[in-house]
């Protein structure tokens, strides 16, 4: 199985889900995130991400066909499935459709939750300052879990300050064009929505259902925001396990 994280995250966001599933898996740090290299142009579009990922997946996980992608990772997976269908035999999208940028623009900073942190401060005087800001953005999450997440998503500078591990996304591609990729996909698609998230609407779900050749269905996870794998990992494990069992 392949797991692709969202913008401002890293591969460790999937740790709990992967352990819970107990299946062989590869979680990848997308370009500009985690320990992966940064692009000089700051363009981390799904189109460029997929071009970078394809040879990596062929080398490290040539037999993996089941892809789970959240937010930016989900959009990257859509493009990957269109350009390299042999790498994506089954697709689970977590709280994202190609209308993501439009929905993002419609949300307030509070509604965006931790996603809003990507557009905020980059450097902090201490690790605790980063953690405090993250807790404020996600007050519903366990503090220990947030601390672990920030630990994996930050690094300490030589001057003692702390910064996020991810690069700032300075160039945004045409996400809406990915709807054409959805039209061309042969892989079955399952959509998982966060019940408290505004990143996917009923209209978006209907559009995905209409365009996808093999739409398995939609699951709405209650008490979850955009990052379902962090808010309700057990629920996501059950959903993914259910899809695995149908193959």
Protein backbone atom coordinates (compact mmCIF):
# COMPACT_ATOMS: atom_id res chain seq x y z
CA UNK A 1 0.00 0.00 0.00
CA UNK A 2 1.08 3.57 -0.70
CA UNK A 3 0.18 6.52 1.54
CA UNK A 4 0.49 10.15 0.38
CA UNK A 5 0.08 12.95 2.93
CA UNK A 6 -1.41 16.42 2.61
CA UNK A 7 0.23 19.81 2.27
CA UNK A 8 2.22 20.87 5.33
CA UNK A 9 2.37 17.28 6.60
CA UNK A 10 4.82 14.38 6.22
CA UNK A 11 4.82 10.61 5.99
CA UNK A 12 4.49 10.20 9.77
CA UNK A 13 0.89 11.44 9.64
CA UNK A 14 0.03 7.88 8.55
CA UNK A 15 1.86 6.01 11.33
CA UNK A 16 -1.21 5.12 13.38
CA UNK A 17 -3.25 4.06 10.35
CA UNK A 18 -0.47 1.89 8.93
CA UNK A 19 0.16 0.17 12.27
CA UNK A 20 -3.58 -0.39 12.66
CA UNK A 21 -3.93 -1.94 9.22
CA UNK A 22 -0.95 -4.24 9.66
CA UNK A 23 -0.29 -4.37 5.91
CA UNK A 24 3.01 -3.82 4.08
CA UNK A 25 3.06 -0.11 3.31
CA UNK A 26 5.16 2.78 2.07
CA UNK A 27 4.46 6.34 3.23
CA UNK A 28 6.29 8.95 1.19
CA UNK A 29 7.43 12.47 2.08
CA UNK A 30 6.15 14.50 -0.88
CA UNK A 31 8.57 16.98 -2.50
CA UNK A 32 9.09 19.98 -0.22
CA UNK A 33 7.87 18.08 2.84
CA UNK A 34 9.43 16.03 5.63
CA UNK A 35 12.94 15.01 4.64
CA UNK A 36 12.40 15.33 0.88
CA UNK A 37 14.17 18.02 -1.14
CA UNK A 38 12.67 21.44 -1.81
CA UNK A 39 12.03 22.91 -5.26
CA UNK A 40 13.54 26.31 -6.05
CA UNK A 41 10.29 27.49 -7.63
CA UNK A 42 8.12 26.38 -4.69
CA UNK A 43 5.78 24.57 -7.07
CA UNK A 44 4.45 21.43 -5.43
CA UNK A 45 1.53 20.84 -7.75
CA UNK A 46 -0.02 17.37 -8.11
CA UNK A 47 1.28 17.30 -11.67
CA UNK A 48 4.92 17.82 -10.67
CA UNK A 49 4.59 15.66 -7.56
CA UNK A 50 3.32 12.71 -9.59
CA UNK A 51 6.20 12.98 -12.07
CA UNK A 52 8.64 12.83 -9.16
CA UNK A 53 6.83 9.99 -7.41
CA UNK A 54 6.34 7.59 -10.30
CA UNK A 55 9.96 6.36 -10.59
CA UNK A 56 10.30 6.23 -6.80
CA UNK A 57 7.25 4.00 -6.43
CA UNK A 58 8.38 1.77 -9.27
CA UNK A 59 11.70 1.28 -7.50
CA UNK A 60 10.56 0.95 -3.88
CA UNK A 61 7.07 -0.55 -4.19
CA UNK A 62 6.61 -2.01 -7.68
CA UNK A 63 3.90 -4.41 -6.52
CA UNK A 64 1.80 -1.84 -4.65
CA UNK A 65 -1.43 -0.86 -6.36
CA UNK A 66 -3.51 0.41 -3.43
CA UNK A 67 -3.02 4.15 -2.90
CA UNK A 68 -4.43 6.29 -0.09
CA UNK A 69 -4.03 10.03 -0.57
CA UNK A 70 -5.14 12.88 1.66
CA UNK A 71 -5.59 16.48 0.42
CA UNK A 72 -2.53 17.34 -1.72
CA UNK A 73 -1.57 13.68 -1.58
CA UNK A 74 -4.98 12.70 -2.90
CA UNK A 75 -4.72 15.13 -5.80
CA UNK A 76 -1.24 13.83 -6.52
CA UNK A 77 -2.66 10.30 -6.52
CA UNK A 78 -5.34 11.28 -9.05
CA UNK A 79 -2.71 12.61 -11.43
CA UNK A 80 -0.48 9.60 -10.77
CA UNK A 81 -3.33 7.22 -11.59
CA UNK A 82 -3.96 9.04 -14.87
CA UNK A 83 -0.33 9.15 -16.02
CA UNK A 84 0.75 5.76 -14.64
CA UNK A 85 -2.34 3.56 -14.22
CA UNK A 86 -0.15 0.53 -13.51
CA UNK A 87 0.82 2.14 -10.18
CA UNK A 88 -2.73 2.80 -8.96
CA UNK A 89 -5.14 -0.12 -9.03
CA UNK A 90 -7.28 1.18 -6.16
CA UNK A 91 -7.61 4.73 -4.86
CA UNK A 92 -8.89 6.09 -1.55
CA UNK A 93 -9.20 9.88 -1.42
CA UNK A 94 -9.25 11.43 2.04
CA UNK A 95 -11.23 14.69 2.19
CA UNK A 96 -10.29 16.02 -1.22
CA UNK A 97 -11.53 16.44 -4.79
CA UNK A 98 -10.14 18.56 -7.64
CA UNK A 99 -12.31 21.43 -6.35
CA UNK A 100 -10.01 21.73 -3.31
CA UNK A 101 -8.59 25.19 -4.05
CA UNK A 102 -12.06 26.64 -4.50
CA UNK A 103 -13.22 25.19 -1.19
CA UNK A 104 -10.05 26.36 0.57
CA UNK A 105 -10.74 29.92 -0.57
CA UNK A 106 -14.26 29.75 0.84
CA UNK A 107 -13.17 28.75 4.36
CA UNK A 108 -12.16 30.98 7.26
CA UNK A 109 -8.81 30.47 9.00
CA UNK A 110 -10.64 28.81 11.89
CA UNK A 111 -12.42 26.41 9.52
CA UNK A 112 -9.12 25.53 7.85
CA UNK A 113 -7.71 24.32 11.18
CA UNK A 114 -4.07 23.24 11.02
CA UNK A 115 -4.07 23.86 7.24
CA UNK A 116 -4.00 27.59 8.08
CA UNK A 117 -0.60 27.11 9.73
CA UNK A 118 0.94 26.68 6.28
CA UNK A 119 0.33 30.35 5.56
CA UNK A 120 1.47 31.65 8.95
CA UNK A 121 4.75 32.10 10.79
CA UNK A 122 7.71 30.03 9.62
CA UNK A 123 10.18 30.52 12.50
CA UNK A 124 9.57 30.24 16.24
CA UNK A 125 11.67 30.95 19.35
CA UNK A 126 11.00 27.49 20.79
CA UNK A 127 9.44 24.11 20.11
CA UNK A 128 6.78 24.92 22.70
CA UNK A 129 5.76 28.01 20.74
CA UNK A 130 5.15 25.83 17.67
CA UNK A 131 3.21 23.33 19.74
CA UNK A 132 1.06 26.01 21.39
CA UNK A 133 0.08 27.40 17.99
CA UNK A 134 -0.79 23.92 16.73
CA UNK A 135 -2.87 23.16 19.82
CA UNK A 136 -4.81 26.38 19.27
CA UNK A 137 -5.49 25.36 15.67
CA UNK A 138 -6.63 21.84 16.65
CA UNK A 139 -8.06 22.04 20.19
CA UNK A 140 -10.03 18.81 19.67
CA UNK A 141 -6.92 16.65 19.29
CA UNK A 142 -4.89 14.92 21.99
CA UNK A 143 -1.94 17.08 23.06
CA UNK A 144 0.46 14.12 23.12
CA UNK A 145 -0.50 13.30 19.54
CA UNK A 146 -0.01 16.90 18.48
CA UNK A 147 3.38 17.04 20.19
CA UNK A 148 4.49 13.96 18.27
CA UNK A 149 3.20 15.45 15.02
CA UNK A 150 5.02 18.74 15.54
CA UNK A 151 8.20 16.87 16.48
CA UNK A 152 8.22 15.06 13.13
CA UNK A 153 7.27 18.23 11.25
CA UNK A 154 9.87 20.64 12.67
CA UNK A 155 13.61 21.14 12.95
CA UNK A 156 15.90 23.26 15.12
CA UNK A 157 18.13 25.89 13.54
CA UNK A 158 21.70 26.63 14.59
CA UNK A 159 20.49 29.85 16.23
CA UNK A 160 18.17 27.89 18.51
CA UNK A 161 14.94 28.80 16.76
CA UNK A 162 12.56 26.23 15.31
CA UNK A 163 11.06 26.05 11.80
CA UNK A 164 8.62 23.80 9.95
CA UNK A 165 10.16 21.04 7.86
CA UNK A 166 7.95 21.81 4.88
CA UNK A 167 8.63 24.47 2.27
CA UNK A 168 6.15 27.24 1.58
CA UNK A 169 4.00 26.45 -1.45
CA UNK A 170 4.56 29.55 -3.55
CA UNK A 171 3.03 28.42 -6.83
CA UNK A 172 -0.40 26.82 -7.16
CA UNK A 173 -1.24 24.72 -10.20
CA UNK A 174 -4.60 24.16 -11.85
CA UNK A 175 -6.25 21.67 -9.54
CA UNK A 176 -9.57 21.91 -11.41
CA UNK A 177 -7.89 20.38 -14.45
CA UNK A 178 -7.59 17.16 -12.45
CA UNK A 179 -11.30 16.58 -13.03
CA UNK A 180 -10.31 15.55 -16.57
CA UNK A 181 -7.95 13.01 -15.02
CA UNK A 182 -10.81 11.63 -12.93
CA UNK A 183 -12.74 11.07 -16.17
CA UNK A 184 -9.90 8.91 -17.46
CA UNK A 185 -9.24 6.80 -14.35
CA UNK A 186 -9.77 3.06 -14.52
CA UNK A 187 -9.03 2.49 -10.81
CA UNK A 188 -11.98 2.25 -8.41
CA UNK A 189 -12.28 5.32 -6.16
CA UNK A 190 -13.50 5.59 -2.58
CA UNK A 191 -14.02 9.01 -0.99
CA UNK A 192 -13.63 9.62 2.74
CA UNK A 193 -14.94 12.93 4.08
CA UNK A 194 -14.37 14.57 7.44
CA UNK A 195 -17.80 15.22 8.92
CA UNK A 196 -16.73 18.59 10.30
CA UNK A 197 -14.65 19.60 7.28
CA UNK A 198 -15.62 22.06 4.58
CA UNK A 199 -12.97 20.96 2.10
CA UNK A 200 -15.40 18.65 0.27
CA UNK A 201 -19.05 19.53 -0.31
CA UNK A 202 -22.04 17.43 -1.33
CA UNK A 203 -21.71 19.04 -4.76
CA UNK A 204 -18.09 17.88 -5.02
CA UNK A 205 -19.07 14.37 -3.97
CA UNK A 206 -21.79 14.23 -6.62
CA UNK A 207 -19.32 15.46 -9.25
CA UNK A 208 -16.82 12.77 -8.30
CA UNK A 209 -19.56 10.14 -8.44
CA UNK A 210 -20.64 11.36 -11.87
CA UNK A 211 -17.16 11.49 -13.37
CA UNK A 212 -15.47 8.43 -11.86
CA UNK A 213 -15.92 5.27 -13.92
CA UNK A 214 -15.74 3.08 -10.83
CA UNK A 215 -16.94 5.00 -7.77
CA UNK A 216 -17.15 2.70 -4.77
CA UNK A 217 -18.89 5.25 -2.57
CA UNK A 218 -18.38 7.88 0.10
CA UNK A 219 -17.82 7.53 3.84
CA UNK A 220 -18.42 10.49 6.15
CA UNK A 221 -16.41 10.29 9.37
CA UNK A 222 -18.11 12.11 12.21
CA UNK A 223 -16.12 14.25 14.65
CA UNK A 224 -13.36 14.64 12.09
CA UNK A 225 -11.95 17.64 10.33
CA UNK A 226 -9.81 17.66 7.20
CA UNK A 227 -7.09 15.31 8.50
CA UNK A 228 -9.18 12.21 9.12
CA UNK A 229 -6.05 10.12 9.75
CA UNK A 230 -5.24 12.35 12.73
CA UNK A 231 -8.74 13.09 14.05
CA UNK A 232 -10.29 9.63 13.71
CA UNK A 233 -7.59 7.11 12.76
CA UNK A 234 -9.58 4.07 13.91
CA UNK A 235 -12.50 5.01 11.69
CA UNK A 236 -10.19 5.45 8.71
CA UNK A 237 -8.54 2.10 9.42
CA UNK A 238 -11.95 0.40 9.33
CA UNK A 239 -12.87 2.11 6.06
CA UNK A 240 -9.61 1.23 4.33
CA UNK A 241 -9.80 -2.32 5.66
CA UNK A 242 -13.29 -2.58 4.21
CA UNK A 243 -12.06 -1.49 0.79
CA UNK A 244 -9.17 -3.96 1.00
CA UNK A 245 -11.57 -6.78 1.79
CA UNK A 246 -13.68 -6.06 -1.30
CA UNK A 247 -10.77 -6.49 -3.71
